[in-house]
Amino acid sequence: MTKKYSRDEVRQRLETEIRGSRSILAVGAGNGLSARCAEAGGADLVVVYSSGYFRVNGLPSLVGNLPVGDANDIMFRLGRESIIPSKRSIPVIAGVFGIDPTRGIDEVLDTVESIGYSGIINFPTIGRHVGGYRADLENAGMGFELEVEMMRRARRRSLFTLAYVYNEEDAGAMASVGVDCIVAHMGLTAGGDIGAKGVDALDRIIPKLESIFDAASSAREDLFLLSHGGPITSPEDAEYVNLHSKAVGFVAASSFERIPIEIALKKACSDFKSIKSG
């Protein structure tokens, strides 16, 4: 079985990377092959989302935010059956749907720990919603504060905590309950066959990233600050963000598990099709 790491052990691993001037990399994995390749390639964390399951089955990552399937059950099954059974030396993080109305937060966290996850991240998250729909969720008692409370309880259990946030207010709320890592989410990842269209240029997201990071850091100083999504689709993009913001690393999901695979599989198929026949 994969080693289960305590919060302090995960923090020490990441702090070692930062002291060595190495960028932190968390990688989304929708199957065991992705997780194995991420570990072999030097990733610091493997993150298991319901969106990863849909992504490796040819669907947009955005499906993970739709009422399709059971997000927490998908994450449980991927952990039990595909990601964690193989012996790995890398912490595995659970993407938890914190406002799941069919399960209590403690029940979900009990299962997360029993499977062997070393930490959690709030995904799917209602943080990506704005306007009337989010207001309806908040008014129905299924608001972002439940995700914040989930992080508070996870911290008490010595789970490493990452928080996806889309704005300054949510960043401050997550930082105030002691999350370890703020991931500034720039929206659905561009690029490839089914990526987002019309995303902001890379240089234009820097002020937004910095605003989110500043809001989080004003509430808590010992945070790991990572970027994700939008126009950040390549190692060069992630490096640009690191060099022009307070980010110390990147969360790669579609940029690791979808775009490179689309390119590699198309080329492999084309190469095989082009061989000479007898």
C-alpha atoms as a PDB file:
ATOM      1  CA  MET A   1       0.000   0.000   0.000  1.00  0.00           C
ATOM      2  CA  THR A   2       0.985   3.610  -0.523  1.00  0.00           C
ATOM      3  CA  LYS A   3       2.516   5.240   2.541  1.00  0.00           C
ATOM      4  CA  LYS A   4       0.108   7.584   4.315  1.00  0.00           C
ATOM      5  CA  TYR A   5       1.860  10.806   5.272  1.00  0.00           C
ATOM      6  CA  SER A   6       0.986  13.096   8.140  1.00  0.00           C
ATOM      7  CA  ARG A   7       0.438  16.805   7.556  1.00  0.00           C
ATOM      8  CA  ASP A   8       3.837  17.615   9.048  1.00  0.00           C
ATOM      9  CA  GLU A   9       5.565  15.076   6.806  1.00  0.00           C
ATOM     10  CA  VAL A  10       3.952  16.543   3.681  1.00  0.00           C
ATOM     11  CA  ARG A  11       4.871  20.063   4.726  1.00  0.00           C
ATOM     12  CA  GLN A  12       8.474  19.000   5.326  1.00  0.00           C
ATOM     13  CA  ARG A  13       8.661  17.434   1.855  1.00  0.00           C
ATOM     14  CA  LEU A  14       7.401  20.602   0.209  1.00  0.00           C
ATOM     15  CA  GLU A  15       9.567  22.891   2.319  1.00  0.00           C
ATOM     16  CA  THR A  16      12.601  20.848   1.260  1.00  0.00           C
ATOM     17  CA  GLU A  17      11.700  21.491  -2.388  1.00  0.00           C
ATOM     18  CA  ILE A  18      11.381  25.207  -1.793  1.00  0.00           C
ATOM     19  CA  ARG A  19      14.693  25.401   0.061  1.00  0.00           C
ATOM     20  CA  GLY A  20      16.270  23.656  -2.916  1.00  0.00           C
ATOM     21  CA  SER A  21      14.777  26.288  -5.264  1.00  0.00           C
ATOM     22  CA  ARG A  22      12.612  23.635  -6.922  1.00  0.00           C
ATOM     23  CA  SER A  23       9.046  24.343  -7.996  1.00  0.00           C
ATOM     24  CA  ILE A  24       6.319  22.345  -6.255  1.00  0.00           C
ATOM     25  CA  LEU A  25       4.230  20.131  -8.524  1.00  0.00           C
ATOM     26  CA  ALA A  26       0.898  18.528  -7.683  1.00  0.00           C
ATOM     27  CA  VAL A  27      -0.493  16.301 -10.419  1.00  0.00           C
ATOM     28  CA  GLY A  28      -4.083  15.202 -10.979  1.00  0.00           C
ATOM     29  CA  ALA A  29      -4.516  11.490 -11.670  1.00  0.00           C
ATOM     30  CA  GLY A  30      -7.655   9.843 -12.994  1.00  0.00           C
ATOM     31  CA  ASN A  31      -6.161   6.343 -13.108  1.00  0.00           C
ATOM     32  CA  GLY A  32      -3.254   4.303 -11.832  1.00  0.00           C
ATOM     33  CA  LEU A  33      -1.132   4.852 -14.944  1.00  0.00           C
ATOM     34  CA  SER A  34      -1.266   8.617 -14.510  1.00  0.00           C
ATOM     35  CA  ALA A  35      -0.337   8.279 -10.839  1.00  0.00           C
ATOM     36  CA  ARG A  36       2.582   5.964 -11.620  1.00  0.00           C
ATOM     37  CA  CYS A  37       3.909   8.270 -14.324  1.00  0.00           C
ATOM     38  CA  ALA A  38       3.524  11.317 -12.066  1.00  0.00           C
ATOM     39  CA  GLU A  39       5.555   9.666  -9.337  1.00  0.00           C
ATOM     40  CA  ALA A  40       8.218   8.488 -11.786  1.00  0.00           C
ATOM     41  CA  GLY A  41       8.421  11.990 -13.233  1.00  0.00           C
ATOM     42  CA  GLY A  42       9.117  13.580  -9.863  1.00  0.00           C
ATOM     43  CA  ALA A  43       5.746  15.043  -8.822  1.00  0.00           C
ATOM     44  CA  ASP A  44       5.466  16.067  -5.182  1.00  0.00           C
ATOM     45  CA  LEU A  45       1.764  15.216  -4.754  1.00  0.00           C
ATOM     46  CA  VAL A  46      -0.801  13.138  -6.606  1.00  0.00           C
ATOM     47  CA  VAL A  47      -4.340  14.510  -6.452  1.00  0.00           C
ATOM     48  CA  VAL A  48      -7.381  12.309  -7.115  1.00  0.00           C
ATOM     49  CA  TYR A  49     -10.412  14.183  -8.456  1.00  0.00           C
ATOM     50  CA  SER A  50     -13.697  13.008  -9.885  1.00  0.00           C
ATOM     51  CA  SER A  51     -12.828  15.255 -12.861  1.00  0.00           C
ATOM     52  CA  GLY A  52      -9.778  13.083 -13.509  1.00  0.00           C
ATOM     53  CA  TYR A  53     -12.032  10.075 -14.009  1.00  0.00           C
ATOM     54  CA  PHE A  54     -14.046  11.951 -16.626  1.00  0.00           C
ATOM     55  CA  ARG A  55     -10.925  13.468 -18.192  1.00  0.00           C
ATOM     56  CA  VAL A  56      -9.214  10.144 -18.887  1.00  0.00           C
ATOM     57  CA  ASN A  57     -12.491   8.918 -20.389  1.00  0.00           C
ATOM     58  CA  GLY A  58     -12.395  11.650 -23.021  1.00  0.00           C
ATOM     59  CA  LEU A  59     -14.713  14.195 -21.418  1.00  0.00           C
ATOM     60  CA  PRO A  60     -13.986  17.791 -20.418  1.00  0.00           C
ATOM     61  CA  SER A  61     -12.768  18.271 -16.855  1.00  0.00           C
ATOM     62  CA  LEU A  62     -15.747  20.575 -16.357  1.00  0.00           C
ATOM     63  CA  VAL A  63     -17.975  17.488 -16.174  1.00  0.00           C
ATOM     64  CA  GLY A  64     -16.574  17.044 -12.666  1.00  0.00           C
ATOM     65  CA  ASN A  65     -18.507  20.161 -11.664  1.00  0.00           C
ATOM     66  CA  LEU A  66     -21.811  18.970 -13.115  1.00  0.00           C
ATOM     67  CA  PRO A  67     -24.420  16.772 -11.369  1.00  0.00           C
ATOM     68  CA  VAL A  68     -23.024  13.706 -13.122  1.00  0.00           C
ATOM     69  CA  GLY A  69     -22.051  10.743 -10.965  1.00  0.00           C
ATOM     70  CA  ASP A  70     -21.160  10.830  -7.274  1.00  0.00           C
ATOM     71  CA  ALA A  71     -18.000  12.915  -6.875  1.00  0.00           C
ATOM     72  CA  ASN A  72     -16.984  11.533  -3.492  1.00  0.00           C
ATOM     73  CA  ASP A  73     -17.743   7.928  -4.415  1.00  0.00           C
ATOM     74  CA  ILE A  74     -15.664   8.281  -7.602  1.00  0.00           C
ATOM     75  CA  MET A  75     -12.772   9.637  -5.521  1.00  0.00           C
ATOM     76  CA  PHE A  76     -13.168   6.807  -2.984  1.00  0.00           C
ATOM     77  CA  ARG A  77     -13.143   4.150  -5.721  1.00  0.00           C
ATOM     78  CA  LEU A  78     -10.182   5.610  -7.590  1.00  0.00           C
ATOM     79  CA  GLY A  79      -8.207   5.688  -4.371  1.00  0.00           C
ATOM     80  CA  ARG A  80      -9.092   2.151  -3.326  1.00  0.00           C
ATOM     81  CA  GLU A  81      -8.886   0.460  -6.721  1.00  0.00           C
ATOM     82  CA  SER A  82      -6.425   2.377  -8.885  1.00  0.00           C
ATOM     83  CA  ILE A  83      -4.205   4.914  -7.141  1.00  0.00           C
ATOM     84  CA  ILE A  84      -3.386   3.814  -3.616  1.00  0.00           C
ATOM     85  CA  PRO A  85      -3.167  -0.020  -3.819  1.00  0.00           C
ATOM     86  CA  SER A  86       0.130   0.202  -5.675  1.00  0.00           C
ATOM     87  CA  LYS A  87       3.051   0.960  -3.387  1.00  0.00           C
ATOM     88  CA  ARG A  88       4.040   4.585  -3.914  1.00  0.00           C
ATOM     89  CA  SER A  89       6.390   6.920  -2.109  1.00  0.00           C
ATOM     90  CA  ILE A  90       4.334  10.029  -2.815  1.00  0.00           C
ATOM     91  CA  PRO A  91       1.499  11.607  -0.793  1.00  0.00           C
ATOM     92  CA  VAL A  92      -1.929  11.147  -2.371  1.00  0.00           C
ATOM     93  CA  ILE A  93      -4.542  13.874  -1.920  1.00  0.00           C
ATOM     94  CA  ALA A  94      -8.321  13.350  -2.061  1.00  0.00           C
ATOM     95  CA  GLY A  95     -10.527  15.727  -4.026  1.00  0.00           C
ATOM     96  CA  VAL A  96     -13.492  16.014  -1.657  1.00  0.00           C
ATOM     97  CA  PHE A  97     -16.902  17.477  -2.427  1.00  0.00           C
ATOM     98  CA  GLY A  98     -17.436  19.290   0.844  1.00  0.00           C
ATOM     99  CA  ILE A  99     -21.113  20.119   0.435  1.00  0.00           C
ATOM    100  CA  ASP A 100     -22.175  16.531  -0.307  1.00  0.00           C
ATOM    101  CA  PRO A 101     -25.723  16.457   1.129  1.00  0.00           C
ATOM    102  CA  THR A 102     -25.742  12.653   1.354  1.00  0.00           C
ATOM    103  CA  ARG A 103     -22.758  12.305   3.696  1.00  0.00           C
ATOM    104  CA  GLY A 104     -21.573  14.144   6.770  1.00  0.00           C
ATOM    105  CA  ILE A 105     -18.173  15.827   6.638  1.00  0.00           C
ATOM    106  CA  ASP A 106     -16.736  13.597   9.343  1.00  0.00           C
ATOM    107  CA  GLU A 107     -18.054  10.501   7.580  1.00  0.00           C
ATOM    108  CA  VAL A 108     -16.292  11.561   4.383  1.00  0.00           C
ATOM    109  CA  LEU A 109     -13.051  12.351   6.199  1.00  0.00           C
ATOM    110  CA  ASP A 110     -13.200   9.006   8.040  1.00  0.00           C
ATOM    111  CA  THR A 111     -13.368   7.243   4.672  1.00  0.00           C
ATOM    112  CA  VAL A 112     -10.608   9.405   3.206  1.00  0.00           C
ATOM    113  CA  GLU A 113      -8.299   8.413   6.056  1.00  0.00           C
ATOM    114  CA  SER A 114      -9.260   4.737   5.959  1.00  0.00           C
ATOM    115  CA  ILE A 115      -8.416   4.534   2.245  1.00  0.00           C
ATOM    116  CA  GLY A 116      -4.973   5.983   2.899  1.00  0.00           C
ATOM    117  CA  TYR A 117      -5.143   9.522   1.567  1.00  0.00           C
ATOM    118  CA  SER A 118      -2.653  11.953   3.115  1.00  0.00           C
ATOM    119  CA  GLY A 119      -4.689  15.090   2.584  1.00  0.00           C
ATOM    120  CA  ILE A 120      -7.654  16.749   0.907  1.00  0.00           C
ATOM    121  CA  ILE A 121      -8.512  19.489  -1.573  1.00  0.00           C
ATOM    122  CA  ASN A 122     -11.964  21.009  -2.050  1.00  0.00           C
ATOM    123  CA  PHE A 123     -13.089  19.646  -5.382  1.00  0.00           C
ATOM    124  CA  PRO A 124     -15.700  19.877  -6.777  1.00  0.00           C
ATOM    125  CA  THR A 125     -16.100  23.344  -5.287  1.00  0.00           C
ATOM    126  CA  ILE A 126     -18.902  25.867  -5.444  1.00  0.00           C
ATOM    127  CA  GLY A 127     -16.175  28.499  -5.322  1.00  0.00           C
ATOM    128  CA  ARG A 128     -16.211  28.553  -9.122  1.00  0.00           C
ATOM    129  CA  HIS A 129     -19.868  29.662  -9.143  1.00  0.00           C
ATOM    130  CA  VAL A 130     -20.914  33.301  -9.017  1.00  0.00           C
ATOM    131  CA  GLY A 131     -24.156  35.219  -9.123  1.00  0.00           C
ATOM    132  CA  GLY A 132     -27.606  33.828  -8.543  1.00  0.00           C
ATOM    133  CA  TYR A 133     -26.714  30.138  -8.619  1.00  0.00           C
ATOM    134  CA  ARG A 134     -24.134  30.496  -5.883  1.00  0.00           C
ATOM    135  CA  ALA A 135     -26.521  32.666  -3.877  1.00  0.00           C
ATOM    136  CA  ASP A 136     -29.154  29.937  -4.156  1.00  0.00           C
ATOM    137  CA  LEU A 137     -26.693  27.338  -2.891  1.00  0.00           C
ATOM    138  CA  GLU A 138     -25.640  29.574  -0.006  1.00  0.00           C
ATOM    139  CA  ASN A 139     -29.264  30.247   0.921  1.00  0.00           C
ATOM    140  CA  ALA A 140     -30.030  26.527   0.830  1.00  0.00           C
ATOM    141  CA  GLY A 141     -27.316  25.844   3.422  1.00  0.00           C
ATOM    142  CA  MET A 142     -24.936  24.362   0.869  1.00  0.00           C
ATOM    143  CA  GLY A 143     -22.473  27.223   0.724  1.00  0.00           C
ATOM    144  CA  PHE A 144     -18.740  27.688   0.619  1.00  0.00           C
ATOM    145  CA  GLU A 145     -18.633  27.835   4.406  1.00  0.00           C
ATOM    146  CA  LEU A 146     -19.157  24.054   4.427  1.00  0.00           C
ATOM    147  CA  GLU A 147     -15.940  23.649   2.437  1.00  0.00           C
ATOM    148  CA  VAL A 148     -14.192  25.950   4.911  1.00  0.00           C
ATOM    149  CA  GLU A 149     -15.529  23.888   7.818  1.00  0.00           C
ATOM    150  CA  MET A 150     -14.329  20.717   6.089  1.00  0.00           C
ATOM    151  CA  MET A 151     -10.819  22.165   6.012  1.00  0.00           C
ATOM    152  CA  ARG A 152     -11.034  23.114   9.675  1.00  0.00           C
ATOM    153  CA  ARG A 153     -11.917  19.539  10.602  1.00  0.00           C
ATOM    154  CA  ALA A 154      -9.281  18.064   8.293  1.00  0.00           C
ATOM    155  CA  ARG A 155      -6.623  20.163  10.042  1.00  0.00           C
ATOM    156  CA  ARG A 156      -7.636  18.645  13.370  1.00  0.00           C
ATOM    157  CA  ARG A 157      -6.981  15.208  11.881  1.00  0.00           C
ATOM    158  CA  SER A 158      -3.437  16.026  10.733  1.00  0.00           C
ATOM    159  CA  LEU A 159      -4.457  15.854   7.080  1.00  0.00           C
ATOM    160  CA  PHE A 160      -2.575  18.089   4.660  1.00  0.00           C
ATOM    161  CA  THR A 161      -4.989  20.650   3.235  1.00  0.00           C
ATOM    162  CA  LEU A 162      -5.102  22.377  -0.153  1.00  0.00           C
ATOM    163  CA  ALA A 163      -7.828  24.859  -1.051  1.00  0.00           C
ATOM    164  CA  TYR A 164      -8.970  25.833  -4.527  1.00  0.00           C
ATOM    165  CA  VAL A 165     -10.045  29.478  -4.527  1.00  0.00           C
ATOM    166  CA  TYR A 166     -11.234  31.803  -7.264  1.00  0.00           C
ATOM    167  CA  ASN A 167     -11.330  35.109  -5.392  1.00  0.00           C
ATOM    168  CA  GLU A 168      -9.843  37.067  -2.500  1.00  0.00           C
ATOM    169  CA  GLU A 169     -12.724  36.543  -0.070  1.00  0.00           C
ATOM    170  CA  ASP A 170     -12.644  32.757  -0.348  1.00  0.00           C
ATOM    171  CA  ALA A 171      -8.838  32.781  -0.131  1.00  0.00           C
ATOM    172  CA  GLY A 172      -8.974  34.696   3.140  1.00  0.00           C
ATOM    173  CA  ALA A 173     -11.633  32.395   4.558  1.00  0.00           C
ATOM    174  CA  MET A 174      -9.617  29.280   3.772  1.00  0.00           C
ATOM    175  CA  ALA A 175      -6.373  30.750   5.084  1.00  0.00           C
ATOM    176  CA  SER A 176      -8.053  31.807   8.322  1.00  0.00           C
ATOM    177  CA  VAL A 177      -8.872  28.190   9.251  1.00  0.00           C
ATOM    178  CA  GLY A 178      -5.294  27.062   8.732  1.00  0.00           C
ATOM    179  CA  VAL A 179      -5.150  25.423   5.319  1.00  0.00           C
ATOM    180  CA  ASP A 180      -1.625  24.541   4.252  1.00  0.00           C
ATOM    181  CA  CYS A 181      -1.863  25.462   0.595  1.00  0.00           C
ATOM    182  CA  ILE A 182      -3.833  27.978  -1.437  1.00  0.00           C
ATOM    183  CA  VAL A 183      -4.346  27.071  -5.096  1.00  0.00           C
ATOM    184  CA  ALA A 184      -5.409  30.111  -7.111  1.00  0.00           C
ATOM    185  CA  HIS A 185      -7.715  28.716  -9.795  1.00  0.00           C
ATOM    186  CA  MET A 186      -7.795  30.597 -13.091  1.00  0.00           C
ATOM    187  CA  GLY A 187     -10.648  28.584 -14.594  1.00  0.00           C
ATOM    188  CA  LEU A 188     -10.971  25.689 -17.007  1.00  0.00           C
ATOM    189  CA  THR A 189      -7.620  24.886 -18.628  1.00  0.00           C
ATOM    190  CA  ALA A 190      -7.168  25.988 -22.224  1.00  0.00           C
ATOM    191  CA  GLY A 191      -5.521  23.947 -24.955  1.00  0.00           C
ATOM    192  CA  GLY A 192      -5.937  20.585 -26.576  1.00  0.00           C
ATOM    193  CA  ASP A 193      -9.095  19.214 -28.163  1.00  0.00           C
ATOM    194  CA  ILE A 194     -11.613  20.164 -25.468  1.00  0.00           C
ATOM    195  CA  GLY A 195      -9.938  22.935 -23.508  1.00  0.00           C
ATOM    196  CA  ALA A 196     -11.420  26.315 -22.618  1.00  0.00           C
ATOM    197  CA  LYS A 197     -11.687  28.918 -25.345  1.00  0.00           C
ATOM    198  CA  GLY A 198     -11.080  32.627 -24.983  1.00  0.00           C
ATOM    199  CA  VAL A 199      -9.108  32.545 -21.724  1.00  0.00           C
ATOM    200  CA  ASP A 200      -7.107  35.570 -20.588  1.00  0.00           C
ATOM    201  CA  ALA A 201      -3.538  35.959 -21.782  1.00  0.00           C
ATOM    202  CA  LEU A 202      -0.922  34.690 -19.366  1.00  0.00           C
ATOM    203  CA  ASP A 203       0.338  38.120 -18.361  1.00  0.00           C
ATOM    204  CA  ARG A 204      -3.184  39.321 -17.614  1.00  0.00           C
ATOM    205  CA  ILE A 205      -3.835  36.724 -14.912  1.00  0.00           C
ATOM    206  CA  ILE A 206      -0.834  37.789 -12.823  1.00  0.00           C
ATOM    207  CA  PRO A 207      -2.672  40.651 -11.039  1.00  0.00           C
ATOM    208  CA  LYS A 208      -5.545  38.301 -10.191  1.00  0.00           C
ATOM    209  CA  LEU A 209      -3.159  35.659  -8.863  1.00  0.00           C
ATOM    210  CA  GLU A 210      -1.340  38.225  -6.751  1.00  0.00           C
ATOM    211  CA  SER A 211      -4.584  39.605  -5.363  1.00  0.00           C
ATOM    212  CA  ILE A 212      -5.666  36.125  -4.273  1.00  0.00           C
ATOM    213  CA  PHE A 213      -2.255  35.331  -2.811  1.00  0.00           C
ATOM    214  CA  ASP A 214      -2.130  38.640  -0.925  1.00  0.00           C
ATOM    215  CA  ALA A 215      -5.563  38.065   0.593  1.00  0.00           C
ATOM    216  CA  ALA A 216      -4.545  34.609   1.767  1.00  0.00           C
ATOM    217  CA  SER A 217      -1.152  35.680   3.067  1.00  0.00           C
ATOM    218  CA  SER A 218      -2.656  38.514   5.078  1.00  0.00           C
ATOM    219  CA  ALA A 219      -4.582  35.895   7.073  1.00  0.00           C
ATOM    220  CA  ARG A 220      -1.794  33.322   7.329  1.00  0.00           C
ATOM    221  CA  GLU A 221       1.885  33.580   6.436  1.00  0.00           C
ATOM    222  CA  ASP A 222       3.111  29.965   6.262  1.00  0.00           C
ATOM    223  CA  LEU A 223       1.131  29.051   3.156  1.00  0.00           C
ATOM    224  CA  PHE A 224       2.233  27.233   0.039  1.00  0.00           C
ATOM    225  CA  LEU A 225       0.914  29.286  -2.894  1.00  0.00           C
ATOM    226  CA  LEU A 226       0.212  27.424  -6.133  1.00  0.00           C
ATOM    227  CA  SER A 227      -1.422  28.285  -9.451  1.00  0.00           C
ATOM    228  CA  HIS A 228      -3.754  26.294 -11.661  1.00  0.00           C
ATOM    229  CA  GLY A 229      -5.836  26.434 -14.808  1.00  0.00           C
ATOM    230  CA  GLY A 230      -6.810  28.975 -17.425  1.00  0.00           C
ATOM    231  CA  PRO A 231      -3.929  29.838 -19.773  1.00  0.00           C
ATOM    232  CA  ILE A 232      -1.348  27.948 -17.690  1.00  0.00           C
ATOM    233  CA  THR A 233      -1.010  24.878 -19.894  1.00  0.00           C
ATOM    234  CA  SER A 234       2.713  24.122 -20.137  1.00  0.00           C
ATOM    235  CA  PRO A 235       5.861  24.022 -17.989  1.00  0.00           C
ATOM    236  CA  GLU A 236       6.909  27.299 -19.592  1.00  0.00           C
ATOM    237  CA  ASP A 237       3.605  28.904 -18.595  1.00  0.00           C
ATOM    238  CA  ALA A 238       3.903  27.664 -15.022  1.00  0.00           C
ATOM    239  CA  GLU A 239       7.472  28.942 -14.821  1.00  0.00           C
ATOM    240  CA  TYR A 240       6.345  32.360 -16.062  1.00  0.00           C
ATOM    241  CA  VAL A 241       3.741  32.477 -13.288  1.00  0.00           C
ATOM    242  CA  ASN A 242       6.303  31.445 -10.662  1.00  0.00           C
ATOM    243  CA  LEU A 243       8.680  34.181 -11.804  1.00  0.00           C
ATOM    244  CA  HIS A 244       6.044  36.913 -11.978  1.00  0.00           C
ATOM    245  CA  SER A 245       3.976  36.148  -8.880  1.00  0.00           C
ATOM    246  CA  LYS A 246       4.293  34.699  -5.384  1.00  0.00           C
ATOM    247  CA  ALA A 247       3.479  31.208  -6.683  1.00  0.00           C
ATOM    248  CA  VAL A 248       5.985  28.522  -5.688  1.00  0.00           C
ATOM    249  CA  GLY A 249       4.484  25.800  -7.842  1.00  0.00           C
ATOM    250  CA  PHE A 250       1.672  24.506  -9.979  1.00  0.00           C
ATOM    251  CA  VAL A 251      -1.217  22.028  -9.911  1.00  0.00           C
ATOM    252  CA  ALA A 252      -1.267  20.142 -13.221  1.00  0.00           C
ATOM    253  CA  ALA A 253      -4.412  18.283 -14.224  1.00  0.00           C
ATOM    254  CA  SER A 254      -5.484  18.683 -17.857  1.00  0.00           C
ATOM    255  CA  SER A 255      -2.034  20.106 -18.561  1.00  0.00           C
ATOM    256  CA  PHE A 256      -0.535  16.776 -17.454  1.00  0.00           C
ATOM    257  CA  GLU A 257      -3.199  14.169 -17.977  1.00  0.00           C
ATOM    258  CA  ARG A 258      -5.064  15.347 -21.069  1.00  0.00           C
ATOM    259  CA  ILE A 259      -3.113  17.657 -23.393  1.00  0.00           C
ATOM    260  CA  PRO A 260       0.164  15.640 -23.526  1.00  0.00           C
ATOM    261  CA  ILE A 261      -1.807  12.397 -23.876  1.00  0.00           C
ATOM    262  CA  GLU A 262      -3.835  13.757 -26.775  1.00  0.00           C
ATOM    263  CA  ILE A 263      -0.614  14.697 -28.556  1.00  0.00           C
ATOM    264  CA  ALA A 264       1.199  11.424 -27.805  1.00  0.00           C
ATOM    265  CA  LEU A 265      -1.681   9.085 -28.705  1.00  0.00           C
ATOM    266  CA  LYS A 266      -2.427  10.867 -31.975  1.00  0.00           C
ATOM    267  CA  LYS A 267       1.221  10.647 -32.965  1.00  0.00           C
ATOM    268  CA  ALA A 268       1.457   6.967 -31.990  1.00  0.00           C
ATOM    269  CA  CYS A 269      -1.616   6.143 -34.026  1.00  0.00           C
ATOM    270  CA  SER A 270      -0.370   8.132 -37.004  1.00  0.00           C
ATOM    271  CA  ASP A 271       3.052   6.478 -36.803  1.00  0.00           C
ATOM    272  CA  PHE A 272       1.557   2.975 -36.724  1.00  0.00           C
ATOM    273  CA  LYS A 273      -0.818   3.776 -39.567  1.00  0.00           C
ATOM    274  CA  SER A 274       2.075   4.996 -41.706  1.00  0.00           C
ATOM    275  CA  ILE A 275       4.140   1.784 -41.514  1.00  0.00           C
ATOM    276  CA  LYS A 276       4.692  -0.202 -44.702  1.00  0.00           C
ATOM    277  CA  SER A 277       2.503  -3.212 -45.336  1.00  0.00           C
ATOM    278  CA  GLY A 278       3.879  -6.559 -46.496  1.00  0.00           C
END
